[in-house]
Amino acid sequence: MPDIGLSVEGTTTAGTPRMNPEEGIARWLDVMDACEQFLLTGLSQNTVQDGDLATAYRKWYARQMAEHDKMIHGMIRRFSDSDGKHVG
């Protein structure tokens, strides 16, 4: 098996320093904030005609959730059709 850094104490397999839970949560929140800024910037540049960013966001979110629900219903249907057996 290749050495992927598992034996280096105090680091992850990618060689980055380990974080305590508080640092991990803080980093996750930073990433989420950055993602939100990308989303809002994209919405404001591509979809907002009258400057109503809140309405554009609600419409985008509704489309995303409808797509997600459709995917979940399809998964449930396939699982149900398979009588609970593994579906590949």
N, C-alpha and C. Protein backbone atom coordinates (compact mmCIF):
# COMPACT_ATOMS: atom_id res chain seq x y z
N MET A 1 0.84 -1.17 0.00
CA MET A 1 0.00 0.00 0.00
C MET A 1 0.89 1.24 0.00
N PRO A 2 0.57 2.24 -0.84
CA PRO A 2 1.42 3.43 -0.90
C PRO A 2 1.31 4.26 0.37
N ASP A 3 2.39 4.95 0.68
CA ASP A 3 2.40 5.83 1.84
C ASP A 3 1.68 7.13 1.47
N ILE A 4 0.57 7.38 2.12
CA ILE A 4 -0.19 8.60 1.83
C ILE A 4 -0.18 9.57 3.00
N GLY A 5 0.78 9.43 3.87
CA GLY A 5 0.93 10.39 4.95
C GLY A 5 0.25 10.01 6.24
N LEU A 6 -0.28 8.80 6.34
CA LEU A 6 -0.98 8.39 7.55
C LEU A 6 -0.05 8.28 8.75
N SER A 7 1.22 8.04 8.50
CA SER A 7 2.14 7.83 9.60
C SER A 7 2.71 9.12 10.17
N VAL A 8 2.42 10.26 9.57
CA VAL A 8 2.96 11.52 10.05
C VAL A 8 2.05 12.03 11.15
N GLU A 9 2.58 12.05 12.36
CA GLU A 9 1.77 12.46 13.51
C GLU A 9 1.40 13.93 13.42
N GLY A 10 0.14 14.23 13.72
CA GLY A 10 -0.31 15.61 13.75
C GLY A 10 -0.76 16.16 12.41
N THR A 11 -0.81 15.32 11.37
CA THR A 11 -1.27 15.80 10.07
C THR A 11 -2.34 14.86 9.55
N THR A 12 -3.08 15.33 8.58
CA THR A 12 -4.06 14.50 7.90
C THR A 12 -3.37 13.79 6.75
N THR A 13 -4.10 12.96 6.02
CA THR A 13 -3.49 12.26 4.89
C THR A 13 -3.04 13.23 3.80
N ALA A 14 -3.62 14.41 3.74
CA ALA A 14 -3.21 15.40 2.74
C ALA A 14 -2.01 16.22 3.22
N GLY A 15 -1.54 15.97 4.44
CA GLY A 15 -0.39 16.68 4.96
C GLY A 15 -0.72 18.03 5.59
N THR A 16 -2.00 18.35 5.72
CA THR A 16 -2.37 19.61 6.34
C THR A 16 -2.50 19.41 7.84
N PRO A 17 -2.21 20.44 8.63
CA PRO A 17 -2.32 20.28 10.08
C PRO A 17 -3.74 19.94 10.51
N ARG A 18 -3.85 19.12 11.53
CA ARG A 18 -5.17 18.78 12.06
C ARG A 18 -5.75 20.00 12.76
N MET A 19 -7.06 20.09 12.73
CA MET A 19 -7.76 21.19 13.39
C MET A 19 -8.57 20.63 14.54
N ASN A 20 -8.72 21.43 15.59
CA ASN A 20 -9.64 21.03 16.64
C ASN A 20 -11.06 21.33 16.14
N PRO A 21 -12.08 20.83 16.83
CA PRO A 21 -13.45 21.04 16.34
C PRO A 21 -13.82 22.51 16.12
N GLU A 22 -13.39 23.39 17.01
CA GLU A 22 -13.72 24.80 16.86
C GLU A 22 -13.09 25.38 15.60
N GLU A 23 -11.85 25.00 15.31
CA GLU A 23 -11.20 25.48 14.09
C GLU A 23 -11.89 24.94 12.84
N GLY A 24 -12.29 23.68 12.89
CA GLY A 24 -12.99 23.08 11.76
C GLY A 24 -14.31 23.76 11.50
N ILE A 25 -15.05 24.06 12.57
CA ILE A 25 -16.33 24.74 12.41
C ILE A 25 -16.12 26.15 11.87
N ALA A 26 -15.11 26.84 12.38
CA ALA A 26 -14.82 28.20 11.90
C ALA A 26 -14.46 28.17 10.41
N ARG A 27 -13.66 27.19 9.99
CA ARG A 27 -13.28 27.08 8.57
C ARG A 27 -14.51 26.75 7.73
N TRP A 28 -15.37 25.86 8.22
CA TRP A 28 -16.58 25.51 7.49
C TRP A 28 -17.47 26.74 7.32
N LEU A 29 -17.63 27.53 8.39
CA LEU A 29 -18.44 28.75 8.30
C LEU A 29 -17.86 29.74 7.30
N ASP A 30 -16.52 29.86 7.27
CA ASP A 30 -15.88 30.74 6.29
C ASP A 30 -16.18 30.29 4.87
N VAL A 31 -16.13 28.99 4.63
CA VAL A 31 -16.43 28.46 3.30
C VAL A 31 -17.89 28.71 2.94
N MET A 32 -18.79 28.50 3.90
CA MET A 32 -20.21 28.74 3.64
C MET A 32 -20.46 30.21 3.32
N ASP A 33 -19.81 31.11 4.05
CA ASP A 33 -19.95 32.54 3.76
C ASP A 33 -19.46 32.88 2.36
N ALA A 34 -18.33 32.29 1.98
CA ALA A 34 -17.78 32.54 0.64
C ALA A 34 -18.74 32.01 -0.43
N CYS A 35 -19.30 30.82 -0.21
CA CYS A 35 -20.25 30.25 -1.16
C CYS A 35 -21.48 31.14 -1.30
N GLU A 36 -21.96 31.66 -0.18
CA GLU A 36 -23.12 32.55 -0.23
C GLU A 36 -22.81 33.80 -1.03
N GLN A 37 -21.61 34.34 -0.85
CA GLN A 37 -21.22 35.54 -1.61
C GLN A 37 -21.14 35.24 -3.10
N PHE A 38 -20.60 34.08 -3.48
CA PHE A 38 -20.57 33.68 -4.89
C PHE A 38 -21.99 33.58 -5.44
N LEU A 39 -22.88 32.93 -4.70
CA LEU A 39 -24.25 32.77 -5.13
C LEU A 39 -24.94 34.12 -5.32
N LEU A 40 -24.83 34.98 -4.32
CA LEU A 40 -25.49 36.28 -4.41
C LEU A 40 -24.90 37.14 -5.53
N THR A 41 -23.60 37.05 -5.73
CA THR A 41 -22.97 37.79 -6.82
C THR A 41 -23.47 37.28 -8.17
N GLY A 42 -23.53 35.96 -8.31
CA GLY A 42 -24.04 35.38 -9.56
C GLY A 42 -25.48 35.75 -9.81
N LEU A 43 -26.30 35.70 -8.76
CA LEU A 43 -27.70 36.08 -8.92
C LEU A 43 -27.82 37.55 -9.32
N SER A 44 -27.05 38.39 -8.68
CA SER A 44 -27.18 39.82 -8.96
C SER A 44 -26.70 40.16 -10.37
N GLN A 45 -25.73 39.42 -10.89
CA GLN A 45 -25.21 39.70 -12.23
C GLN A 45 -26.03 39.04 -13.33
N ASN A 46 -26.66 37.91 -13.03
CA ASN A 46 -27.30 37.13 -14.09
C ASN A 46 -28.82 37.11 -14.06
N THR A 47 -29.44 37.35 -12.93
CA THR A 47 -30.88 37.15 -12.88
C THR A 47 -31.67 38.35 -12.40
N VAL A 48 -31.03 39.28 -11.77
CA VAL A 48 -31.78 40.39 -11.19
C VAL A 48 -31.91 41.51 -12.22
N GLN A 49 -33.12 41.68 -12.72
CA GLN A 49 -33.38 42.74 -13.69
C GLN A 49 -33.73 44.05 -12.99
N ASP A 50 -34.54 43.94 -11.94
CA ASP A 50 -35.02 45.15 -11.27
C ASP A 50 -34.31 45.42 -9.95
N GLY A 51 -33.23 44.70 -9.68
CA GLY A 51 -32.48 44.93 -8.45
C GLY A 51 -33.04 44.23 -7.23
N ASP A 52 -34.04 43.36 -7.39
CA ASP A 52 -34.66 42.68 -6.25
C ASP A 52 -33.96 41.34 -6.01
N LEU A 53 -32.85 41.40 -5.31
CA LEU A 53 -32.03 40.22 -5.06
C LEU A 53 -32.77 39.21 -4.20
N ALA A 54 -33.56 39.66 -3.24
CA ALA A 54 -34.30 38.73 -2.36
C ALA A 54 -35.26 37.88 -3.17
N THR A 55 -35.97 38.48 -4.10
CA THR A 55 -36.92 37.73 -4.94
C THR A 55 -36.17 36.76 -5.83
N ALA A 56 -35.06 37.19 -6.40
CA ALA A 56 -34.25 36.31 -7.25
C ALA A 56 -33.75 35.11 -6.45
N TYR A 57 -33.32 35.36 -5.21
CA TYR A 57 -32.84 34.27 -4.36
C TYR A 57 -33.98 33.30 -4.06
N ARG A 58 -35.16 33.79 -3.70
CA ARG A 58 -36.29 32.91 -3.40
C ARG A 58 -36.66 32.05 -4.60
N LYS A 59 -36.66 32.64 -5.80
CA LYS A 59 -36.97 31.87 -7.01
C LYS A 59 -35.91 30.80 -7.26
N TRP A 60 -34.63 31.17 -7.11
CA TRP A 60 -33.54 30.21 -7.31
C TRP A 60 -33.67 29.07 -6.31
N TYR A 61 -33.93 29.40 -5.05
CA TYR A 61 -34.04 28.39 -4.00
C TYR A 61 -35.22 27.46 -4.27
N ALA A 62 -36.34 28.02 -4.70
CA ALA A 62 -37.52 27.20 -5.02
C ALA A 62 -37.20 26.22 -6.15
N ARG A 63 -36.48 26.67 -7.18
CA ARG A 63 -36.08 25.77 -8.27
C ARG A 63 -35.15 24.67 -7.76
N GLN A 64 -34.20 25.04 -6.92
CA GLN A 64 -33.26 24.06 -6.38
C GLN A 64 -33.99 23.00 -5.55
N MET A 65 -34.92 23.43 -4.72
CA MET A 65 -35.65 22.49 -3.87
C MET A 65 -36.58 21.60 -4.69
N ALA A 66 -37.19 22.16 -5.74
CA ALA A 66 -38.05 21.34 -6.61
C ALA A 66 -37.21 20.26 -7.29
N GLU A 67 -36.03 20.63 -7.76
CA GLU A 67 -35.13 19.66 -8.39
C GLU A 67 -34.68 18.60 -7.38
N HIS A 68 -34.37 19.03 -6.17
CA HIS A 68 -33.95 18.10 -5.11
C HIS A 68 -35.09 17.13 -4.77
N ASP A 69 -36.31 17.68 -4.61
CA ASP A 69 -37.45 16.83 -4.29
C ASP A 69 -37.70 15.80 -5.39
N LYS A 70 -37.58 16.22 -6.64
CA LYS A 70 -37.77 15.30 -7.77
C LYS A 70 -36.74 14.17 -7.70
N MET A 71 -35.48 14.51 -7.39
CA MET A 71 -34.43 13.51 -7.28
C MET A 71 -34.73 12.53 -6.14
N ILE A 72 -35.14 13.05 -4.98
CA ILE A 72 -35.43 12.20 -3.82
C ILE A 72 -36.61 11.29 -4.12
N HIS A 73 -37.66 11.81 -4.74
CA HIS A 73 -38.81 10.98 -5.08
C HIS A 73 -38.41 9.86 -6.04
N GLY A 74 -37.54 10.17 -6.99
CA GLY A 74 -37.04 9.14 -7.90
C GLY A 74 -36.26 8.06 -7.17
N MET A 75 -35.44 8.47 -6.21
CA MET A 75 -34.69 7.50 -5.42
C MET A 75 -35.63 6.62 -4.61
N ILE A 76 -36.65 7.22 -4.01
CA ILE A 76 -37.62 6.45 -3.23
C ILE A 76 -38.35 5.47 -4.12
N ARG A 77 -38.76 5.93 -5.31
CA ARG A 77 -39.48 5.05 -6.25
C ARG A 77 -38.60 3.87 -6.66
N ARG A 78 -37.33 4.16 -6.98
CA ARG A 78 -36.43 3.06 -7.38
C ARG A 78 -36.21 2.08 -6.23
N PHE A 79 -36.07 2.60 -5.02
CA PHE A 79 -35.89 1.73 -3.86
C PHE A 79 -37.13 0.89 -3.64
N SER A 80 -38.29 1.52 -3.75
CA SER A 80 -39.56 0.80 -3.57
C SER A 80 -39.75 -0.26 -4.65
N ASP A 81 -39.40 0.07 -5.89
CA ASP A 81 -39.53 -0.88 -7.00
C ASP A 81 -38.59 -2.07 -6.83
N SER A 82 -37.52 -1.88 -6.08
CA SER A 82 -36.54 -2.96 -5.92
C SER A 82 -36.85 -3.83 -4.71
N ASP A 83 -37.95 -3.59 -4.04
CA ASP A 83 -38.33 -4.33 -2.83
C ASP A 83 -37.26 -4.23 -1.74
N GLY A 84 -36.57 -3.11 -1.70
CA GLY A 84 -35.57 -2.89 -0.67
C GLY A 84 -34.21 -3.49 -0.95
N LYS A 85 -34.07 -4.15 -2.10
CA LYS A 85 -32.76 -4.71 -2.47
C LYS A 85 -31.87 -3.58 -2.96
N HIS A 86 -30.57 -3.82 -2.92
CA HIS A 86 -29.60 -2.84 -3.38
C HIS A 86 -29.85 -2.53 -4.86
N VAL A 87 -29.93 -1.24 -5.16
CA VAL A 87 -30.12 -0.81 -6.54
C VAL A 87 -28.83 -0.16 -7.00
N GLY A 88 -28.24 -0.68 -8.05
CA GLY A 88 -26.97 -0.16 -8.53
C GLY A 88 -27.06 0.84 -9.60
